[in-house]
Amino acid sequence: MKFAKKLVALALTASLAVAMSGCGGGGDKKPAAGGAKKAEEVKWPTKPITLVVPWSAGGDTDFFTRTLGKYLTKELGQPVNVTNVVGGGGSVASNKIKDSKPDGTTFLCFDTAMALNHSCGISNFGYEAFDPVCMMAKGTGEYFVVRSDFPANTLKEMIKYTQDHPDTVKLAANTGATSYYVAVRLKELGAKFNIVNGGSSSVRLASLLGSHIDASTNAMGLLNQYLPKTGNGSLKILACLATARSEAYKDVPLAKEQGVDVAYDMTYNVLAPKGTDPKIIEKLSKAIGKVINENKDYAAEIYKTYGAKPFYQDTKEAVATLKAEDEQYMKYSEVFKKGVK
């Protein structure tokens, strides 16, 4: 009987030892795959990061990118530099980044015009040619603006004026950008502008102030210093072209409230070259999200300049937004390609 009890005890001891080794008790066990990936993730970034803006300095996309980059440097522990690569309505920059090495050092910071590039045909690709990282901002809208002495005070009055004075009012449009979409829509609604090539947002504004054009569409951050309440009063806004009034500029009427069916929102995205390590994309997205959602200085800066509130969408949400924008503007593809002349 004692001998049998000893056998049972020895069997239990052996079973316990096997169980212990299977649960990680052995000192020679290799680390789990997840641990290896986590260690690998920490190695990025090891070099300075470049954010490429497809417009000239001074515009809205440039502003949101530079403001984000300033605070992102601290989050990532590496310098975050911003470079402007202009031309082709933003397509020069998007082609450049699309063909860049997916090594986690260079990213594209574009906006809604990415979808316009695709629908107008100046790019034969859309967001799907990249690995989206996140959405980094949403503007309060673009505004239809003229010099203060122009004989129209609403967008509806402006359309009537162009009908009475066909092809005399110069409206700036940048092919492949949202300003081009506005020109096309207004033409469809009966306006008779003289559409001229306007360049990026900051270039259009300079042309308007210099009387080289008569009307433009611009984001608020560029306009404040020229408006009656906030600046020298040399310009006036005829309408906000967004889908809803901004809390910061709630006194500015929407185009659609005037019976003019032009409404779109400006979003700003971060895209990586196709094939970028998903762990890099995840880490960058989270770092951007932390700046946008938690940094009060960042929030104050974008509100002061553009009246914008912090807006962030992670990778999955960004893909959905980019897809919706692409589908929205592709509906106008054939119209865009015919032009606005």
Protein backbone atom coordinates (compact mmCIF):
# COMPACT_ATOMS: atom_id res chain seq x y z
CA MET A 1 0.00 0.00 0.00
CA LYS A 2 2.85 2.44 0.90
CA PHE A 3 4.61 1.51 -2.34
CA ALA A 4 1.46 2.35 -4.36
CA LYS A 5 1.16 5.74 -2.64
CA LYS A 6 4.78 6.55 -3.54
CA LEU A 7 4.10 5.72 -7.18
CA VAL A 8 1.09 8.05 -7.22
CA ALA A 9 3.14 10.85 -5.63
CA LEU A 10 5.95 10.44 -8.15
CA ALA A 11 3.47 10.52 -11.05
CA LEU A 12 1.86 13.70 -9.74
CA THR A 13 5.26 15.35 -9.33
CA ALA A 14 6.26 14.47 -12.91
CA SER A 15 2.95 15.74 -14.31
CA LEU A 16 3.35 19.01 -12.44
CA ALA A 17 6.87 19.47 -13.81
CA VAL A 18 5.66 18.92 -17.38
CA ALA A 19 2.79 21.36 -16.87
CA MET A 20 5.14 23.97 -15.44
CA SER A 21 7.51 23.71 -18.41
CA GLY A 22 4.58 24.01 -20.85
CA CYS A 23 3.45 27.24 -19.15
CA GLY A 24 6.76 29.00 -19.63
CA GLY A 25 8.66 27.68 -16.68
CA GLY A 26 11.60 26.60 -18.89
CA GLY A 27 14.44 29.12 -19.10
CA ASP A 28 15.26 28.34 -22.75
CA LYS A 29 11.82 29.22 -24.16
CA LYS A 30 11.90 31.73 -27.08
CA PRO A 31 9.94 35.01 -26.71
CA ALA A 32 6.45 35.11 -28.18
CA ALA A 33 6.02 36.50 -31.68
CA GLY A 34 4.09 39.49 -30.32
CA GLY A 35 7.00 40.47 -28.12
CA ALA A 36 9.36 40.38 -31.08
CA LYS A 37 7.05 42.66 -33.11
CA LYS A 38 6.76 45.07 -30.22
CA ALA A 39 10.53 45.32 -29.89
CA GLU A 40 10.79 45.89 -33.65
CA GLU A 41 8.17 48.65 -33.51
CA VAL A 42 10.17 50.63 -30.96
CA LYS A 43 13.04 51.01 -33.46
CA TRP A 44 11.02 53.45 -35.59
CA PRO A 45 11.73 56.26 -36.22
CA THR A 46 15.50 56.22 -36.28
CA LYS A 47 15.84 59.02 -38.86
CA PRO A 48 14.25 62.44 -39.43
CA ILE A 49 10.78 62.34 -41.00
CA THR A 50 9.64 64.41 -43.97
CA LEU A 51 6.04 65.47 -44.50
CA VAL A 52 5.44 66.55 -48.10
CA VAL A 53 2.77 69.18 -48.80
CA PRO A 54 1.58 69.38 -52.44
CA TRP A 55 0.92 73.14 -52.26
CA SER A 56 3.05 76.24 -51.77
CA ALA A 57 3.76 77.52 -48.27
CA GLY A 58 1.14 79.66 -46.58
CA GLY A 59 -1.99 77.72 -47.51
CA ASP A 60 -4.34 75.71 -45.33
CA THR A 61 -2.83 72.27 -45.97
CA ASP A 62 0.61 73.72 -45.32
CA PHE A 63 -0.60 75.31 -42.08
CA PHE A 64 -2.18 72.16 -40.65
CA THR A 65 0.85 70.08 -41.62
CA ARG A 66 3.41 72.46 -40.13
CA THR A 67 1.42 72.93 -36.94
CA LEU A 68 1.10 69.18 -36.50
CA GLY A 69 4.76 68.60 -37.37
CA LYS A 70 5.91 71.04 -34.72
CA TYR A 71 4.29 69.03 -31.94
CA LEU A 72 4.85 65.63 -33.58
CA THR A 73 8.61 66.05 -33.27
CA LYS A 74 8.36 65.69 -29.51
CA GLU A 75 6.09 62.65 -29.73
CA LEU A 76 8.34 60.73 -32.13
CA GLY A 77 11.72 61.82 -30.82
CA GLN A 78 12.98 62.71 -34.30
CA PRO A 79 12.87 65.96 -36.32
CA VAL A 80 9.71 66.26 -38.44
CA ASN A 81 10.41 68.41 -41.48
CA VAL A 82 7.86 69.86 -43.92
CA THR A 83 8.64 70.19 -47.63
CA ASN A 84 6.50 71.85 -50.30
CA VAL A 85 6.40 70.10 -53.68
CA VAL A 86 4.09 72.10 -55.95
CA GLY A 87 2.58 71.63 -59.39
CA GLY A 88 -0.18 69.84 -61.26
CA GLY A 89 -2.91 70.65 -58.75
CA GLY A 90 -1.05 68.57 -56.17
CA SER A 91 -0.35 65.65 -58.52
CA VAL A 92 3.40 66.30 -58.73
CA ALA A 93 3.79 65.64 -55.01
CA SER A 94 1.45 62.65 -54.96
CA ASN A 95 3.34 61.00 -57.83
CA LYS A 96 6.62 61.65 -56.05
CA ILE A 97 5.52 60.07 -52.78
CA LYS A 98 3.70 57.21 -54.50
CA ASP A 99 7.01 56.18 -56.05
CA SER A 100 9.08 56.73 -52.89
CA LYS A 101 10.64 53.93 -50.87
CA PRO A 102 8.25 52.71 -48.15
CA ASP A 103 10.91 53.08 -45.47
CA GLY A 104 8.95 55.19 -42.99
CA THR A 105 10.83 58.42 -43.63
CA THR A 106 8.54 60.25 -46.09
CA PHE A 107 4.79 60.83 -46.02
CA LEU A 108 2.29 62.84 -48.07
CA CYS A 109 0.00 65.36 -46.36
CA PHE A 110 -2.77 66.05 -48.86
CA ASP A 111 -6.39 67.11 -48.65
CA THR A 112 -9.75 66.69 -50.40
CA ALA A 113 -8.05 67.64 -53.68
CA MET A 114 -6.61 64.10 -53.80
CA ALA A 115 -10.05 62.93 -54.93
CA LEU A 116 -10.32 65.86 -57.37
CA ASN A 117 -6.97 64.95 -58.94
CA HIS A 118 -8.34 61.49 -59.60
CA SER A 119 -11.72 62.57 -60.93
CA CYS A 120 -10.25 65.28 -63.19
CA GLY A 121 -7.83 62.79 -64.70
CA ILE A 122 -4.61 64.62 -63.85
CA SER A 123 -3.77 61.55 -61.76
CA ASN A 124 -4.74 58.04 -62.80
CA PHE A 125 -4.91 56.93 -59.18
CA GLY A 126 -6.56 57.90 -55.92
CA TYR A 127 -5.99 57.20 -52.24
CA GLU A 128 -5.76 53.45 -52.93
CA ALA A 129 -2.28 53.97 -54.42
CA PHE A 130 -1.06 54.72 -50.88
CA ASP A 131 -1.27 53.25 -47.42
CA PRO A 132 -3.46 55.75 -45.52
CA VAL A 133 -2.21 56.69 -42.07
CA CYS A 134 -4.98 58.92 -40.69
CA MET A 135 -7.03 62.09 -41.15
CA MET A 136 -5.26 64.95 -39.41
CA ALA A 137 -7.68 67.89 -39.73
CA LYS A 138 -11.00 69.19 -40.96
CA GLY A 139 -11.42 72.80 -41.98
CA THR A 140 -14.35 75.15 -41.40
CA GLY A 141 -14.91 75.26 -45.14
CA GLU A 142 -13.72 77.27 -48.08
CA TYR A 143 -15.13 80.72 -48.74
CA PHE A 144 -16.08 82.50 -51.94
CA VAL A 145 -14.36 85.86 -51.68
CA VAL A 146 -14.08 89.09 -53.70
CA ARG A 147 -12.64 92.55 -53.16
CA SER A 148 -14.79 94.76 -50.95
CA ASP A 149 -15.84 97.09 -53.80
CA PHE A 150 -17.28 94.31 -55.99
CA PRO A 151 -20.97 94.99 -56.85
CA ALA A 152 -22.34 91.76 -55.33
CA ASN A 153 -22.83 90.83 -51.69
CA THR A 154 -23.98 87.21 -52.00
CA LEU A 155 -23.02 84.32 -54.21
CA LYS A 156 -26.48 84.34 -55.72
CA GLU A 157 -26.03 88.01 -56.67
CA MET A 158 -22.62 87.13 -58.13
CA ILE A 159 -24.13 84.50 -60.43
CA LYS A 160 -26.70 87.04 -61.65
CA TYR A 161 -23.95 89.60 -62.21
CA THR A 162 -21.95 87.18 -64.39
CA GLN A 163 -25.06 86.43 -66.41
CA ASP A 164 -25.53 90.16 -67.01
CA HIS A 165 -21.80 90.62 -67.73
CA PRO A 166 -20.75 87.29 -69.30
CA ASP A 167 -17.07 86.33 -69.37
CA THR A 168 -15.92 89.53 -67.67
CA VAL A 169 -15.55 88.34 -64.06
CA LYS A 170 -12.30 86.44 -63.59
CA LEU A 171 -12.64 83.46 -61.26
CA ALA A 172 -9.45 81.60 -60.33
CA ALA A 173 -9.49 77.82 -60.54
CA ASN A 174 -6.67 75.35 -60.09
CA THR A 175 -7.29 72.23 -62.20
CA GLY A 176 -7.58 69.20 -59.98
CA ALA A 177 -8.27 71.24 -56.84
CA THR A 178 -11.47 72.20 -55.03
CA SER A 179 -11.44 75.62 -56.71
CA TYR A 180 -11.89 73.78 -60.02
CA TYR A 181 -14.87 71.88 -58.60
CA VAL A 182 -16.45 75.20 -57.59
CA ALA A 183 -15.94 76.64 -61.09
CA VAL A 184 -17.54 73.58 -62.69
CA ARG A 185 -20.52 73.58 -60.33
CA LEU A 186 -21.16 77.31 -60.79
CA LYS A 187 -21.03 76.89 -64.56
CA GLU A 188 -23.61 74.10 -64.27
CA LEU A 189 -25.77 76.49 -62.25
CA GLY A 190 -25.70 79.11 -64.99
CA ALA A 191 -22.82 81.37 -63.97
CA LYS A 192 -20.77 82.88 -66.80
CA PHE A 193 -17.32 83.47 -65.31
CA ASN A 194 -14.09 83.92 -67.18
CA ILE A 195 -12.22 81.00 -65.60
CA VAL A 196 -8.47 81.56 -65.29
CA ASN A 197 -5.68 79.37 -63.95
CA GLY A 198 -5.22 80.43 -60.35
CA GLY A 199 -2.58 78.24 -58.73
CA SER A 200 -2.61 77.27 -55.05
CA SER A 201 -4.64 79.00 -52.35
CA SER A 202 -1.96 81.52 -51.33
CA VAL A 203 -1.25 82.36 -54.99
CA ARG A 204 -4.95 82.93 -55.70
CA LEU A 205 -5.22 85.26 -52.74
CA ALA A 206 -2.26 87.32 -53.91
CA SER A 207 -3.83 87.56 -57.38
CA LEU A 208 -7.12 88.72 -55.89
CA LEU A 209 -5.47 91.39 -53.76
CA GLY A 210 -3.47 92.53 -56.77
CA SER A 211 -6.64 92.81 -58.92
CA HIS A 212 -5.40 90.19 -61.38
CA ILE A 213 -8.58 88.18 -60.70
CA ASP A 214 -12.01 89.17 -59.35
CA ALA A 215 -13.02 86.15 -57.27
CA SER A 216 -11.46 83.21 -55.50
CA THR A 217 -12.14 80.41 -53.04
CA ASN A 218 -9.95 80.29 -49.95
CA ALA A 219 -9.85 78.89 -46.43
CA MET A 220 -10.46 81.34 -43.59
CA GLY A 221 -6.94 81.36 -42.18
CA LEU A 222 -5.70 83.26 -45.23
CA LEU A 223 -8.58 85.74 -45.24
CA ASN A 224 -8.87 87.02 -41.67
CA GLN A 225 -6.43 89.90 -42.02
CA TYR A 226 -8.34 91.26 -45.02
CA LEU A 227 -11.94 91.05 -43.73
CA PRO A 228 -13.87 93.96 -42.19
CA LYS A 229 -14.20 92.55 -38.65
CA THR A 230 -10.75 91.05 -38.32
CA GLY A 231 -8.53 92.97 -40.75
CA ASN A 232 -8.27 95.89 -43.13
CA GLY A 233 -11.57 95.29 -44.92
CA SER A 234 -10.12 94.98 -48.41
CA LEU A 235 -12.01 91.73 -49.04
CA LYS A 236 -15.51 90.42 -48.39
CA ILE A 237 -16.99 86.94 -48.29
CA LEU A 238 -20.04 86.13 -50.40
CA ALA A 239 -20.63 82.61 -49.05
CA CYS A 240 -19.22 79.69 -47.13
CA LEU A 241 -19.01 76.62 -49.37
CA ALA A 242 -19.10 74.01 -46.56
CA THR A 243 -21.97 71.64 -45.79
CA ALA A 244 -22.66 73.34 -42.43
CA ARG A 245 -21.93 76.67 -40.79
CA SER A 246 -18.81 76.85 -38.68
CA GLU A 247 -19.14 77.60 -34.98
CA ALA A 248 -16.25 80.04 -35.29
CA TYR A 249 -17.76 81.89 -38.28
CA LYS A 250 -21.45 81.25 -37.78
CA ASP A 251 -22.42 84.68 -39.17
CA VAL A 252 -21.21 83.67 -42.66
CA PRO A 253 -24.10 82.19 -44.70
CA LEU A 254 -23.69 78.97 -46.66
CA ALA A 255 -23.97 78.92 -50.44
CA LYS A 256 -26.77 76.36 -50.17
CA GLU A 257 -28.66 78.70 -47.81
CA GLN A 258 -28.65 81.21 -50.68
CA GLY A 259 -30.11 78.63 -53.03
CA VAL A 260 -26.75 77.88 -54.68
CA ASP A 261 -26.11 74.13 -54.65
CA VAL A 262 -22.38 74.07 -53.90
CA ALA A 263 -21.37 72.31 -50.70
CA TYR A 264 -18.27 70.33 -49.75
CA ASP A 265 -15.98 69.90 -46.77
CA MET A 266 -12.21 70.16 -46.58
CA THR A 267 -10.40 67.28 -44.89
CA TYR A 268 -6.65 66.79 -44.58
CA ASN A 269 -4.98 63.40 -44.70
CA VAL A 270 -1.65 61.68 -44.10
CA LEU A 271 -0.62 59.00 -46.61
CA ALA A 272 2.34 56.61 -46.72
CA PRO A 273 3.96 55.02 -49.79
CA LYS A 274 2.40 51.67 -50.61
CA GLY A 275 4.11 48.82 -48.77
CA THR A 276 5.03 50.76 -45.63
CA ASP A 277 5.28 48.54 -42.55
CA PRO A 278 1.83 48.47 -40.86
CA LYS A 279 3.56 48.84 -37.47
CA ILE A 280 5.06 52.15 -38.62
CA ILE A 281 1.68 53.35 -39.85
CA GLU A 282 0.07 52.35 -36.56
CA LYS A 283 2.69 54.14 -34.48
CA LEU A 284 2.58 57.30 -36.58
CA SER A 285 -1.22 57.36 -36.52
CA LYS A 286 -1.28 57.01 -32.73
CA ALA A 287 1.33 59.75 -32.30
CA ILE A 288 -0.68 62.10 -34.53
CA GLY A 289 -3.84 61.22 -32.65
CA LYS A 290 -2.17 62.04 -29.35
CA VAL A 291 -1.14 65.51 -30.56
CA ILE A 292 -4.57 66.27 -31.99
CA ASN A 293 -6.65 64.92 -29.11
CA GLU A 294 -4.49 65.83 -26.13
CA ASN A 295 -2.28 68.82 -26.93
CA LYS A 296 -4.05 72.02 -25.83
CA ASP A 297 -1.48 74.28 -27.50
CA TYR A 298 -2.12 72.59 -30.83
CA ALA A 299 -5.88 72.99 -30.39
CA ALA A 300 -5.53 76.67 -29.53
CA GLU A 301 -3.29 77.34 -32.51
CA ILE A 302 -5.56 75.83 -35.16
CA TYR A 303 -8.63 77.54 -33.69
CA LYS A 304 -6.97 80.95 -33.56
CA THR A 305 -5.81 80.79 -37.18
CA TYR A 306 -8.51 78.75 -38.94
CA GLY A 307 -11.38 78.47 -36.47
CA ALA A 308 -10.85 74.72 -36.68
CA LYS A 309 -11.38 72.20 -33.91
CA PRO A 310 -9.17 69.13 -33.39
CA PHE A 311 -10.17 66.39 -35.81
CA TYR A 312 -8.60 62.95 -36.03
CA GLN A 313 -9.55 59.67 -37.67
CA ASP A 314 -7.48 56.51 -37.32
CA THR A 315 -6.42 54.44 -40.31
CA LYS A 316 -9.65 52.48 -40.67
CA GLU A 317 -11.81 55.60 -40.36
CA ALA A 318 -9.57 57.51 -42.75
CA VAL A 319 -9.93 54.85 -45.44
CA ALA A 320 -13.71 55.17 -45.21
CA THR A 321 -13.54 58.97 -45.52
CA LEU A 322 -11.11 58.86 -48.43
CA LYS A 323 -13.26 56.29 -50.23
CA ALA A 324 -16.38 58.42 -49.77
CA GLU A 325 -14.62 61.53 -51.10
CA ASP A 326 -13.31 59.66 -54.13
CA GLU A 327 -16.77 58.36 -54.94
CA GLN A 328 -18.32 61.81 -54.42
CA TYR A 329 -16.10 63.53 -56.99
CA MET A 330 -15.77 60.67 -59.47
CA LYS A 331 -19.43 61.31 -60.28
CA TYR A 332 -18.25 64.53 -61.94
CA SER A 333 -15.37 62.91 -63.80
CA GLU A 334 -16.71 63.38 -67.32
CA VAL A 335 -17.82 66.94 -66.59
CA PHE A 336 -14.44 67.82 -65.13
CA LYS A 337 -12.59 66.47 -68.14
CA LYS A 338 -14.64 68.66 -70.48
CA GLY A 339 -13.34 71.71 -68.65
CA VAL A 340 -14.89 75.00 -67.64
CA LYS A 341 -14.06 77.21 -70.61
